[in-house]
Amino acid sequence: MPEYVYYILFAILGYLLGSLNFSIIIGKLFYKVDVREHGSKNAGTTNTLRTLGKVPAIFVLLLDTFKAVIAYLLVFLFTQKPEFSYIAAATAVVGHNFPVFFGFKGGKGVATSLGACFCFDPLLGLYVLLVGVGMIAITGYVSVGSLSGSTSSIIFFAFLDHSPFKTLKLVLLVILTVSMYIRHHENLKRLWNHTENKISFKKKEEK
């Protein structure tokens, strides 16, 4: 088969794995709650924390991160070609944001993008994680940490990476970062208007 067919097939595989949105799955399976109907309406870790609590949020964070890694590993084990694997990891983010199994209404791709960064380069993933967590700790805003980590990934790769397929990975990082800004447009408006909610790990009081 022509090489572009493999790109398409593995992109679809990554997308389908990414469409397994675990905030929705865990919420519906264990709590009979659709997180998209509560809080920020977003199917991601932060809204899971605010809606369901810390334990399910931790599971969502880990599972949504690892599905990009699983997509990468499956394709790499099958093909031994990193370029196909990078595509699968990146399209897992698309699946998370627009899950075919849940009416194309998903999350913002933060955790899954982090997983993709670890696939591109483990040091990159660690760097992005540290920047993101650091900015959340300083500002109290998950959105600021998420966007800072994503933006810094481009800077890291543009100036510090000299690995094979650098151009492909850099293009994918730019696409993921632009997508994250688009998905965070409401957060950016609230940050501008000083109405964005800060993260809180305190248990929500019952009304």
N, C-alpha and C. Protein backbone atom coordinates (compact mmCIF):
# COMPACT_ATOMS: atom_id res chain seq x y z
N MET A 1 0.84 -1.20 0.00
CA MET A 1 0.00 0.00 0.00
C MET A 1 0.88 1.25 0.00
N PRO A 2 0.40 2.34 -0.60
CA PRO A 2 1.14 3.60 -0.54
C PRO A 2 1.31 4.06 0.91
N GLU A 3 2.39 4.77 1.16
CA GLU A 3 2.68 5.17 2.55
C GLU A 3 1.59 6.05 3.13
N TYR A 4 0.97 6.91 2.32
CA TYR A 4 -0.04 7.82 2.85
C TYR A 4 -1.24 7.06 3.41
N VAL A 5 -1.49 5.85 2.89
CA VAL A 5 -2.60 5.04 3.39
C VAL A 5 -2.33 4.64 4.84
N TYR A 6 -1.07 4.31 5.14
CA TYR A 6 -0.71 3.96 6.51
C TYR A 6 -0.90 5.16 7.44
N TYR A 7 -0.51 6.33 6.98
CA TYR A 7 -0.73 7.53 7.78
C TYR A 7 -2.21 7.68 8.13
N ILE A 8 -3.06 7.47 7.14
CA ILE A 8 -4.51 7.62 7.35
C ILE A 8 -5.03 6.56 8.32
N LEU A 9 -4.61 5.32 8.11
CA LEU A 9 -5.08 4.22 8.96
C LEU A 9 -4.67 4.41 10.41
N PHE A 10 -3.42 4.80 10.62
CA PHE A 10 -2.96 4.95 11.99
C PHE A 10 -3.49 6.23 12.64
N ALA A 11 -3.78 7.21 11.82
CA ALA A 11 -4.44 8.42 12.33
C ALA A 11 -5.84 8.07 12.83
N ILE A 12 -6.52 7.23 12.10
CA ILE A 12 -7.86 6.79 12.50
C ILE A 12 -7.79 5.96 13.79
N LEU A 13 -6.78 5.09 13.88
CA LEU A 13 -6.60 4.28 15.09
C LEU A 13 -6.38 5.18 16.30
N GLY A 14 -5.49 6.16 16.16
CA GLY A 14 -5.24 7.09 17.26
C GLY A 14 -6.49 7.85 17.64
N TYR A 15 -7.25 8.26 16.63
CA TYR A 15 -8.48 9.00 16.88
C TYR A 15 -9.48 8.15 17.66
N LEU A 16 -9.63 6.89 17.28
CA LEU A 16 -10.59 6.01 17.96
C LEU A 16 -10.18 5.76 19.40
N LEU A 17 -8.90 5.55 19.64
CA LEU A 17 -8.42 5.37 21.02
C LEU A 17 -8.64 6.65 21.83
N GLY A 18 -8.38 7.79 21.20
CA GLY A 18 -8.60 9.07 21.88
C GLY A 18 -10.05 9.32 22.19
N SER A 19 -10.95 8.74 21.40
CA SER A 19 -12.38 8.94 21.60
C SER A 19 -12.90 8.24 22.85
N LEU A 20 -12.07 7.40 23.47
CA LEU A 20 -12.43 6.80 24.75
C LEU A 20 -12.22 7.84 25.84
N ASN A 21 -13.19 8.73 25.99
CA ASN A 21 -13.07 9.84 26.93
C ASN A 21 -13.41 9.33 28.33
N PHE A 22 -12.41 9.26 29.20
CA PHE A 22 -12.59 8.58 30.48
C PHE A 22 -13.33 9.41 31.52
N SER A 23 -13.38 10.71 31.36
CA SER A 23 -14.21 11.49 32.29
C SER A 23 -15.68 11.16 32.07
N ILE A 24 -16.06 10.94 30.82
CA ILE A 24 -17.43 10.56 30.51
C ILE A 24 -17.69 9.11 30.93
N ILE A 25 -16.74 8.23 30.60
CA ILE A 25 -16.91 6.81 30.91
C ILE A 25 -17.00 6.58 32.41
N ILE A 26 -16.07 7.13 33.18
CA ILE A 26 -16.07 6.94 34.63
C ILE A 26 -17.29 7.59 35.26
N GLY A 27 -17.62 8.79 34.80
CA GLY A 27 -18.78 9.48 35.36
C GLY A 27 -20.06 8.69 35.16
N LYS A 28 -20.27 8.18 33.95
CA LYS A 28 -21.50 7.45 33.67
C LYS A 28 -21.49 6.05 34.30
N LEU A 29 -20.35 5.39 34.26
CA LEU A 29 -20.27 4.01 34.72
C LEU A 29 -20.36 3.89 36.24
N PHE A 30 -19.66 4.76 36.95
CA PHE A 30 -19.58 4.62 38.41
C PHE A 30 -20.42 5.62 39.19
N TYR A 31 -20.78 6.74 38.56
CA TYR A 31 -21.50 7.79 39.29
C TYR A 31 -22.85 8.14 38.66
N LYS A 32 -23.14 7.51 37.53
CA LYS A 32 -24.39 7.80 36.80
C LYS A 32 -24.52 9.29 36.51
N VAL A 33 -23.38 9.92 36.21
CA VAL A 33 -23.33 11.37 35.96
C VAL A 33 -22.59 11.62 34.65
N ASP A 34 -23.13 12.49 33.84
CA ASP A 34 -22.43 12.95 32.64
C ASP A 34 -21.79 14.29 32.99
N VAL A 35 -20.46 14.30 33.09
CA VAL A 35 -19.77 15.52 33.53
C VAL A 35 -20.02 16.69 32.60
N ARG A 36 -20.45 16.40 31.38
CA ARG A 36 -20.72 17.46 30.41
C ARG A 36 -22.00 18.23 30.73
N GLU A 37 -22.72 17.74 31.72
CA GLU A 37 -23.94 18.42 32.14
C GLU A 37 -23.76 19.19 33.45
N HIS A 38 -22.52 19.25 33.91
CA HIS A 38 -22.24 19.90 35.20
C HIS A 38 -21.02 20.80 35.08
N GLY A 39 -20.91 21.72 36.01
CA GLY A 39 -19.73 22.59 36.09
C GLY A 39 -19.48 23.35 34.81
N SER A 40 -18.26 23.20 34.29
CA SER A 40 -17.86 23.90 33.07
C SER A 40 -18.38 23.20 31.81
N LYS A 41 -19.03 22.04 31.99
CA LYS A 41 -19.55 21.22 30.87
C LYS A 41 -18.44 20.55 30.07
N ASN A 42 -17.21 20.64 30.54
CA ASN A 42 -16.08 20.08 29.81
C ASN A 42 -15.79 18.66 30.28
N ALA A 43 -15.50 17.79 29.33
CA ALA A 43 -15.21 16.39 29.65
C ALA A 43 -13.71 16.21 29.83
N GLY A 44 -13.21 16.68 30.97
CA GLY A 44 -11.78 16.60 31.25
C GLY A 44 -11.51 16.46 32.74
N THR A 45 -10.24 16.47 33.09
CA THR A 45 -9.82 16.23 34.46
C THR A 45 -10.34 17.29 35.43
N THR A 46 -10.21 18.56 35.07
CA THR A 46 -10.59 19.63 36.00
C THR A 46 -12.07 19.59 36.33
N ASN A 47 -12.90 19.41 35.33
CA ASN A 47 -14.34 19.36 35.59
C ASN A 47 -14.72 18.08 36.32
N THR A 48 -13.97 17.00 36.09
CA THR A 48 -14.19 15.77 36.85
C THR A 48 -13.88 16.01 38.32
N LEU A 49 -12.80 16.74 38.59
CA LEU A 49 -12.44 17.07 39.97
C LEU A 49 -13.55 17.86 40.63
N ARG A 50 -14.05 18.86 39.94
CA ARG A 50 -15.08 19.72 40.52
C ARG A 50 -16.42 19.01 40.65
N THR A 51 -16.68 18.07 39.75
CA THR A 51 -17.99 17.42 39.73
C THR A 51 -18.02 16.13 40.55
N LEU A 52 -16.96 15.32 40.43
CA LEU A 52 -16.97 13.99 41.04
C LEU A 52 -15.99 13.84 42.20
N GLY A 53 -14.92 14.65 42.24
CA GLY A 53 -13.97 14.54 43.33
C GLY A 53 -12.57 14.16 42.89
N LYS A 54 -11.68 14.05 43.87
CA LYS A 54 -10.26 13.86 43.59
C LYS A 54 -9.91 12.48 43.01
N VAL A 55 -10.47 11.42 43.57
CA VAL A 55 -10.10 10.08 43.13
C VAL A 55 -10.46 9.84 41.66
N PRO A 56 -11.71 10.08 41.24
CA PRO A 56 -12.00 9.90 39.81
C PRO A 56 -11.20 10.85 38.92
N ALA A 57 -10.90 12.05 39.42
CA ALA A 57 -10.12 13.00 38.62
C ALA A 57 -8.71 12.47 38.37
N ILE A 58 -8.12 11.81 39.37
CA ILE A 58 -6.78 11.24 39.21
C ILE A 58 -6.80 10.14 38.16
N PHE A 59 -7.81 9.29 38.22
CA PHE A 59 -7.93 8.22 37.22
C PHE A 59 -8.13 8.78 35.82
N VAL A 60 -8.95 9.81 35.71
CA VAL A 60 -9.19 10.44 34.41
C VAL A 60 -7.89 11.02 33.87
N LEU A 61 -7.15 11.72 34.72
CA LEU A 61 -5.88 12.32 34.30
C LEU A 61 -4.92 11.26 33.76
N LEU A 62 -4.77 10.18 34.49
CA LEU A 62 -3.83 9.13 34.08
C LEU A 62 -4.29 8.42 32.81
N LEU A 63 -5.57 8.05 32.76
CA LEU A 63 -6.08 7.31 31.61
C LEU A 63 -6.09 8.16 30.35
N ASP A 64 -6.48 9.43 30.48
CA ASP A 64 -6.49 10.31 29.30
C ASP A 64 -5.08 10.60 28.82
N THR A 65 -4.11 10.60 29.73
CA THR A 65 -2.71 10.79 29.34
C THR A 65 -2.18 9.56 28.62
N PHE A 66 -2.46 8.40 29.18
CA PHE A 66 -1.88 7.16 28.67
C PHE A 66 -2.51 6.69 27.37
N LYS A 67 -3.71 7.18 27.02
CA LYS A 67 -4.29 6.68 25.77
C LYS A 67 -3.49 7.17 24.56
N ALA A 68 -2.85 8.33 24.65
CA ALA A 68 -1.95 8.77 23.58
C ALA A 68 -0.71 7.89 23.54
N VAL A 69 -0.22 7.52 24.72
CA VAL A 69 0.96 6.65 24.81
C VAL A 69 0.63 5.27 24.25
N ILE A 70 -0.55 4.76 24.58
CA ILE A 70 -0.95 3.44 24.07
C ILE A 70 -1.08 3.47 22.55
N ALA A 71 -1.66 4.55 22.02
CA ALA A 71 -1.77 4.68 20.56
C ALA A 71 -0.38 4.65 19.93
N TYR A 72 0.54 5.39 20.52
CA TYR A 72 1.92 5.42 20.01
C TYR A 72 2.56 4.03 20.05
N LEU A 73 2.44 3.35 21.20
CA LEU A 73 3.10 2.06 21.36
C LEU A 73 2.52 1.00 20.44
N LEU A 74 1.21 0.98 20.29
CA LEU A 74 0.58 -0.01 19.42
C LEU A 74 1.08 0.13 17.98
N VAL A 75 1.12 1.36 17.50
CA VAL A 75 1.55 1.59 16.12
C VAL A 75 3.04 1.30 15.97
N PHE A 76 3.83 1.71 16.96
CA PHE A 76 5.27 1.49 16.86
C PHE A 76 5.62 0.00 16.91
N LEU A 77 4.93 -0.74 17.77
CA LEU A 77 5.19 -2.19 17.85
C LEU A 77 4.81 -2.88 16.55
N PHE A 78 3.79 -2.37 15.88
CA PHE A 78 3.33 -2.97 14.64
C PHE A 78 4.20 -2.58 13.45
N THR A 79 4.68 -1.35 13.41
CA THR A 79 5.38 -0.85 12.22
C THR A 79 6.87 -0.60 12.41
N GLN A 80 7.28 -0.35 13.66
CA GLN A 80 8.66 0.06 13.95
C GLN A 80 9.01 1.38 13.27
N LYS A 81 8.01 2.19 12.96
CA LYS A 81 8.24 3.48 12.31
C LYS A 81 7.70 4.60 13.19
N PRO A 82 8.59 5.39 13.79
CA PRO A 82 8.15 6.44 14.71
C PRO A 82 7.22 7.46 14.08
N GLU A 83 7.41 7.76 12.78
CA GLU A 83 6.59 8.80 12.16
C GLU A 83 5.11 8.43 12.17
N PHE A 84 4.79 7.14 11.98
CA PHE A 84 3.40 6.70 12.06
C PHE A 84 2.89 6.80 13.50
N SER A 85 3.78 6.47 14.43
CA SER A 85 3.42 6.47 15.85
C SER A 85 3.12 7.88 16.35
N TYR A 86 3.90 8.86 15.89
CA TYR A 86 3.66 10.24 16.30
C TYR A 86 2.30 10.74 15.83
N ILE A 87 1.94 10.34 14.61
CA ILE A 87 0.64 10.72 14.07
C ILE A 87 -0.48 10.13 14.93
N ALA A 88 -0.35 8.87 15.32
CA ALA A 88 -1.37 8.21 16.14
C ALA A 88 -1.51 8.88 17.49
N ALA A 89 -0.38 9.26 18.10
CA ALA A 89 -0.43 9.93 19.40
C ALA A 89 -1.12 11.28 19.28
N ALA A 90 -0.84 12.01 18.20
CA ALA A 90 -1.43 13.34 18.02
C ALA A 90 -2.93 13.25 17.73
N THR A 91 -3.33 12.28 16.91
CA THR A 91 -4.75 12.17 16.59
C THR A 91 -5.57 11.63 17.76
N ALA A 92 -4.90 11.04 18.74
CA ALA A 92 -5.60 10.66 19.98
C ALA A 92 -6.15 11.91 20.67
N VAL A 93 -5.44 13.01 20.53
CA VAL A 93 -5.91 14.28 21.10
C VAL A 93 -7.18 14.75 20.39
N VAL A 94 -7.20 14.59 19.07
CA VAL A 94 -8.39 14.95 18.29
C VAL A 94 -9.58 14.11 18.75
N GLY A 95 -9.33 12.82 18.97
CA GLY A 95 -10.39 11.93 19.44
C GLY A 95 -10.91 12.34 20.81
N HIS A 96 -10.00 12.76 21.67
CA HIS A 96 -10.41 13.20 23.01
C HIS A 96 -11.30 14.43 22.92
N ASN A 97 -10.93 15.36 22.07
CA ASN A 97 -11.69 16.61 21.93
C ASN A 97 -13.03 16.41 21.23
N PHE A 98 -13.04 15.50 20.25
CA PHE A 98 -14.25 15.27 19.44
C PHE A 98 -14.51 13.76 19.35
N PRO A 99 -14.91 13.15 20.47
CA PRO A 99 -15.05 11.69 20.52
C PRO A 99 -16.23 11.17 19.71
N VAL A 100 -15.96 10.29 18.79
CA VAL A 100 -17.01 9.73 17.94
C VAL A 100 -18.01 8.93 18.75
N PHE A 101 -17.57 8.37 19.90
CA PHE A 101 -18.45 7.55 20.72
C PHE A 101 -19.38 8.38 21.61
N PHE A 102 -19.13 9.68 21.71
CA PHE A 102 -19.91 10.52 22.63
C PHE A 102 -20.39 11.80 21.94
N GLY A 103 -20.85 11.64 20.72
CA GLY A 103 -21.46 12.77 20.02
C GLY A 103 -20.51 13.89 19.69
N PHE A 104 -19.21 13.59 19.58
CA PHE A 104 -18.18 14.57 19.22
C PHE A 104 -18.08 15.72 20.23
N LYS A 105 -18.55 15.47 21.46
CA LYS A 105 -18.50 16.50 22.51
C LYS A 105 -17.58 16.01 23.61
N GLY A 106 -16.31 16.45 23.56
CA GLY A 106 -15.32 15.94 24.50
C GLY A 106 -14.66 17.01 25.33
N GLY A 107 -13.35 16.86 25.53
CA GLY A 107 -12.61 17.77 26.41
C GLY A 107 -11.76 18.76 25.65
N LYS A 108 -10.70 19.22 26.31
CA LYS A 108 -9.83 20.24 25.73
C LYS A 108 -8.46 19.70 25.35
N GLY A 109 -8.23 18.42 25.64
CA GLY A 109 -7.02 17.76 25.15
C GLY A 109 -5.77 17.98 25.96
N VAL A 110 -5.90 18.47 27.18
CA VAL A 110 -4.70 18.80 27.96
C VAL A 110 -3.92 17.54 28.34
N ALA A 111 -4.58 16.61 29.03
CA ALA A 111 -3.89 15.40 29.48
C ALA A 111 -3.41 14.55 28.30
N THR A 112 -4.23 14.43 27.27
CA THR A 112 -3.85 13.62 26.12
C THR A 112 -2.70 14.26 25.35
N SER A 113 -2.70 15.59 25.29
CA SER A 113 -1.57 16.29 24.66
C SER A 113 -0.29 16.06 25.45
N LEU A 114 -0.40 16.03 26.77
CA LEU A 114 0.77 15.73 27.60
C LEU A 114 1.29 14.35 27.27
N GLY A 115 0.38 13.38 27.12
CA GLY A 115 0.80 12.03 26.75
C GLY A 115 1.52 12.02 25.41
N ALA A 116 1.01 12.80 24.45
CA ALA A 116 1.66 12.89 23.15
C ALA A 116 3.06 13.48 23.28
N CYS A 117 3.22 14.47 24.15
CA CYS A 117 4.54 15.08 24.36
C CYS A 117 5.53 14.05 24.89
N PHE A 118 5.08 13.20 25.80
CA PHE A 118 5.96 12.14 26.31
C PHE A 118 6.35 11.17 25.19
N CYS A 119 5.45 10.96 24.24
CA CYS A 119 5.77 10.09 23.10
C CYS A 119 6.80 10.73 22.18
N PHE A 120 6.67 12.03 21.95
CA PHE A 120 7.62 12.73 21.08
C PHE A 120 9.01 12.74 21.69
N ASP A 121 9.07 12.92 23.02
CA ASP A 121 10.34 12.96 23.73
C ASP A 121 10.04 12.95 25.22
N PRO A 122 10.49 11.94 25.98
CA PRO A 122 10.20 11.89 27.41
C PRO A 122 10.64 13.14 28.17
N LEU A 123 11.79 13.70 27.77
CA LEU A 123 12.24 14.93 28.42
C LEU A 123 11.29 16.09 28.12
N LEU A 124 10.76 16.12 26.91
CA LEU A 124 9.79 17.14 26.55
C LEU A 124 8.54 17.00 27.42
N GLY A 125 8.05 15.77 27.59
CA GLY A 125 6.88 15.55 28.42
C GLY A 125 7.11 16.00 29.84
N LEU A 126 8.28 15.68 30.39
CA LEU A 126 8.60 16.09 31.76
C LEU A 126 8.69 17.61 31.87
N TYR A 127 9.31 18.22 30.88
CA TYR A 127 9.44 19.68 30.86
C TYR A 127 8.06 20.34 30.82
N VAL A 128 7.20 19.88 29.94
CA VAL A 128 5.85 20.45 29.82
C VAL A 128 5.07 20.25 31.12
N LEU A 129 5.20 19.06 31.71
CA LEU A 129 4.52 18.78 32.97
C LEU A 129 4.96 19.73 34.07
N LEU A 130 6.28 19.94 34.18
CA LEU A 130 6.80 20.82 35.22
C LEU A 130 6.36 22.26 35.01
N VAL A 131 6.39 22.72 33.75
CA VAL A 131 5.94 24.09 33.46
C VAL A 131 4.46 24.23 33.79
N GLY A 132 3.66 23.26 33.36
CA GLY A 132 2.22 23.33 33.59
C GLY A 132 1.87 23.32 35.06
N VAL A 133 2.44 22.37 35.81
CA VAL A 133 2.17 22.27 37.25
C VAL A 133 2.68 23.51 37.97
N GLY A 134 3.85 23.99 37.56
CA GLY A 134 4.41 25.19 38.18
C GLY A 134 3.52 26.40 38.00
N MET A 135 3.00 26.59 36.80
CA MET A 135 2.13 27.73 36.53
C MET A 135 0.79 27.60 37.24
N ILE A 136 0.29 26.37 37.38
CA ILE A 136 -0.94 26.17 38.15
C ILE A 136 -0.70 26.53 39.61
N ALA A 137 0.46 26.10 40.15
CA ALA A 137 0.78 26.39 41.54
C ALA A 137 0.93 27.89 41.78
N ILE A 138 1.52 28.59 40.81
CA ILE A 138 1.75 30.03 40.97
C ILE A 138 0.47 30.83 40.81
N THR A 139 -0.33 30.49 39.80
CA THR A 139 -1.51 31.31 39.48
C THR A 139 -2.82 30.77 40.05
N GLY A 140 -2.87 29.46 40.24
CA GLY A 140 -4.11 28.84 40.69
C GLY A 140 -5.07 28.53 39.56
N TYR A 141 -4.66 28.82 38.34
CA TYR A 141 -5.52 28.60 37.17
C TYR A 141 -5.01 27.41 36.36
N VAL A 142 -5.86 26.39 36.20
CA VAL A 142 -5.49 25.23 35.38
C VAL A 142 -5.31 25.65 33.93
N SER A 143 -6.15 26.56 33.46
CA SER A 143 -6.06 26.99 32.07
C SER A 143 -4.71 27.65 31.77
N VAL A 144 -4.22 28.45 32.70
CA VAL A 144 -2.93 29.11 32.52
C VAL A 144 -1.81 28.07 32.47
N GLY A 145 -1.86 27.10 33.38
CA GLY A 145 -0.85 26.05 33.38
C GLY A 145 -0.88 25.22 32.12
N SER A 146 -2.09 24.89 31.65
CA SER A 146 -2.24 24.08 30.45
C SER A 146 -1.69 24.79 29.22
N LEU A 147 -2.06 26.05 29.05
CA LEU A 147 -1.61 26.81 27.88
C LEU A 147 -0.13 27.14 27.97
N SER A 148 0.37 27.38 29.16
CA SER A 148 1.81 27.67 29.32
C SER A 148 2.64 26.45 28.98
N GLY A 149 2.20 25.29 29.47
CA GLY A 149 2.92 24.05 29.17
C GLY A 149 2.93 23.74 27.69
N SER A 150 1.76 23.92 27.06
CA SER A 150 1.66 23.63 25.63
C SER A 150 2.51 24.58 24.81
N THR A 151 2.46 25.87 25.13
CA THR A 151 3.25 26.86 24.39
C THR A 151 4.75 26.61 24.57
N SER A 152 5.13 26.26 25.77
CA SER A 152 6.56 26.04 26.05
C SER A 152 7.08 24.82 25.31
N SER A 153 6.20 23.88 24.96
CA SER A 153 6.65 22.69 24.24
C SER A 153 7.23 23.06 22.88
N ILE A 154 6.65 24.08 22.25
CA ILE A 154 7.14 24.54 20.94
C ILE A 154 8.53 25.16 21.10
N ILE A 155 8.68 25.97 22.14
CA ILE A 155 9.97 26.61 22.39
C ILE A 155 11.04 25.57 22.67
N PHE A 156 10.70 24.59 23.50
CA PHE A 156 11.62 23.51 23.83
C PHE A 156 12.10 22.80 22.56
N PHE A 157 11.14 22.42 21.72
CA PHE A 157 11.49 21.66 20.52
C PHE A 157 12.23 22.50 19.50
N ALA A 158 11.80 23.74 19.33
CA ALA A 158 12.41 24.58 18.30
C ALA A 158 13.89 24.83 18.55
N PHE A 159 14.27 24.95 19.83
CA PHE A 159 15.63 25.34 20.15
C PHE A 159 16.50 24.24 20.75
N LEU A 160 15.87 23.22 21.34
CA LEU A 160 16.67 22.25 22.08
C LEU A 160 16.66 20.85 21.48
N ASP A 161 15.72 20.56 20.58
CA ASP A 161 15.62 19.20 20.05
C ASP A 161 16.39 19.07 18.74
N HIS A 162 17.13 17.96 18.62
CA HIS A 162 17.87 17.68 17.39
C HIS A 162 17.64 16.24 16.96
N SER A 163 16.50 15.69 17.33
CA SER A 163 16.21 14.28 17.07
C SER A 163 15.65 14.08 15.67
N PRO A 164 15.61 12.83 15.22
CA PRO A 164 14.99 12.54 13.92
C PRO A 164 13.51 12.92 13.93
N PHE A 165 13.01 13.28 12.78
CA PHE A 165 11.60 13.67 12.63
C PHE A 165 11.25 14.92 13.44
N LYS A 166 12.26 15.76 13.67
CA LYS A 166 12.02 16.98 14.43
C LYS A 166 10.94 17.84 13.78
N THR A 167 11.01 17.98 12.47
CA THR A 167 10.05 18.84 11.76
C THR A 167 8.63 18.33 11.93
N LEU A 168 8.43 17.01 11.76
CA LEU A 168 7.11 16.42 11.92
C LEU A 168 6.58 16.66 13.33
N LYS A 169 7.41 16.40 14.32
CA LYS A 169 6.97 16.57 15.71
C LYS A 169 6.68 18.03 16.03
N LEU A 170 7.49 18.93 15.48
CA LEU A 170 7.28 20.35 15.73
C LEU A 170 5.96 20.81 15.11
N VAL A 171 5.68 20.35 13.90
CA VAL A 171 4.41 20.69 13.25
C VAL A 171 3.23 20.17 14.07
N LEU A 172 3.33 18.95 14.55
CA LEU A 172 2.26 18.38 15.36
C LEU A 172 2.08 19.15 16.67
N LEU A 173 3.18 19.57 17.28
CA LEU A 173 3.10 20.35 18.52
C LEU A 173 2.42 21.70 18.28
N VAL A 174 2.74 22.33 17.16
CA VAL A 174 2.10 23.60 16.83
C VAL A 174 0.59 23.41 16.65
N ILE A 175 0.22 22.34 15.94
CA ILE A 175 -1.20 22.06 15.72
C ILE A 175 -1.91 21.80 17.05
N LEU A 176 -1.29 21.01 17.91
CA LEU A 176 -1.90 20.70 19.21
C LEU A 176 -2.03 21.95 20.07
N THR A 177 -1.03 22.82 20.01
CA THR A 177 -1.07 24.04 20.81
C THR A 177 -2.15 25.00 20.32
N VAL A 178 -2.22 25.17 19.00
CA VAL A 178 -3.27 26.03 18.43
C VAL A 178 -4.64 25.48 18.80
N SER A 179 -4.79 24.15 18.69
CA SER A 179 -6.06 23.52 19.05
C SER A 179 -6.40 23.77 20.51
N MET A 180 -5.39 23.71 21.38
CA MET A 180 -5.64 23.93 22.79
C MET A 180 -6.09 25.36 23.07
N TYR A 181 -5.49 26.31 22.38
CA TYR A 181 -5.93 27.70 22.55
C TYR A 181 -7.37 27.88 22.08
N ILE A 182 -7.71 27.22 20.98
CA ILE A 182 -9.09 27.31 20.47
C ILE A 182 -10.06 26.69 21.47
N ARG A 183 -9.69 25.54 22.03
CA ARG A 183 -10.56 24.86 22.98
C ARG A 183 -10.67 25.63 24.30
N HIS A 184 -9.70 26.49 24.57
CA HIS A 184 -9.71 27.28 25.81
C HIS A 184 -10.21 28.71 25.58
N HIS A 185 -10.92 28.96 24.48
CA HIS A 185 -11.29 30.34 24.19
C HIS A 185 -12.19 30.94 25.26
N GLU A 186 -13.06 30.13 25.85
CA GLU A 186 -13.92 30.64 26.92
C GLU A 186 -13.10 30.94 28.17
N ASN A 187 -12.12 30.09 28.46
CA ASN A 187 -11.23 30.34 29.61
C ASN A 187 -10.45 31.63 29.41
N LEU A 188 -9.99 31.86 28.18
CA LEU A 188 -9.23 33.09 27.90
C LEU A 188 -10.10 34.33 28.10
N LYS A 189 -11.36 34.23 27.72
CA LYS A 189 -12.29 35.35 27.95
C LYS A 189 -12.45 35.61 29.45
N ARG A 190 -12.63 34.53 30.21
CA ARG A 190 -12.80 34.68 31.65
C ARG A 190 -11.53 35.20 32.32
N LEU A 191 -10.38 34.76 31.84
CA LEU A 191 -9.12 35.29 32.39
C LEU A 191 -9.01 36.79 32.13
N TRP A 192 -9.40 37.20 30.94
CA TRP A 192 -9.37 38.61 30.57
C TRP A 192 -10.32 39.43 31.45
N ASN A 193 -11.46 38.84 31.76
CA ASN A 193 -12.48 39.53 32.57
C ASN A 193 -12.33 39.27 34.07
N HIS A 194 -11.28 38.54 34.45
CA HIS A 194 -11.01 38.21 35.86
C HIS A 194 -12.15 37.42 36.49
N THR A 195 -12.76 36.53 35.72
CA THR A 195 -13.85 35.71 36.24
C THR A 195 -13.54 34.21 36.17
N GLU A 196 -12.33 33.87 35.78
CA GLU A 196 -11.94 32.46 35.70
C GLU A 196 -11.85 31.86 37.10
N ASN A 197 -12.36 30.64 37.27
CA ASN A 197 -12.31 29.97 38.57
C ASN A 197 -10.93 29.36 38.81
N LYS A 198 -10.46 29.51 40.04
CA LYS A 198 -9.20 28.88 40.41
C LYS A 198 -9.46 27.45 40.84
N ILE A 199 -8.41 26.62 40.75
CA ILE A 199 -8.53 25.22 41.12
C ILE A 199 -8.63 25.11 42.63
N SER A 200 -9.45 24.17 43.07
CA SER A 200 -9.59 23.91 44.50
C SER A 200 -9.67 22.42 44.71
N PHE A 201 -8.93 21.93 45.71
CA PHE A 201 -8.94 20.51 46.03
C PHE A 201 -9.80 20.20 47.24
N LYS A 202 -10.52 21.22 47.71
CA LYS A 202 -11.43 21.00 48.83
C LYS A 202 -12.69 20.34 48.33
N LYS A 203 -13.22 19.45 49.13
CA LYS A 203 -14.43 18.74 48.74
C LYS A 203 -15.59 19.70 48.66
N LYS A 204 -16.34 19.60 47.59
CA LYS A 204 -17.48 20.48 47.38
C LYS A 204 -18.58 20.16 48.38
N GLU A 205 -19.10 21.19 49.00
CA GLU A 205 -20.14 21.00 49.99
C GLU A 205 -21.45 20.65 49.31
N GLU A 206 -22.21 19.74 49.96
CA GLU A 206 -23.50 19.36 49.41
C GLU A 206 -24.50 20.48 49.66
N LYS A 207 -25.33 20.77 48.69
CA LYS A 207 -26.36 21.79 48.82
C LYS A 207 -27.69 21.15 49.21
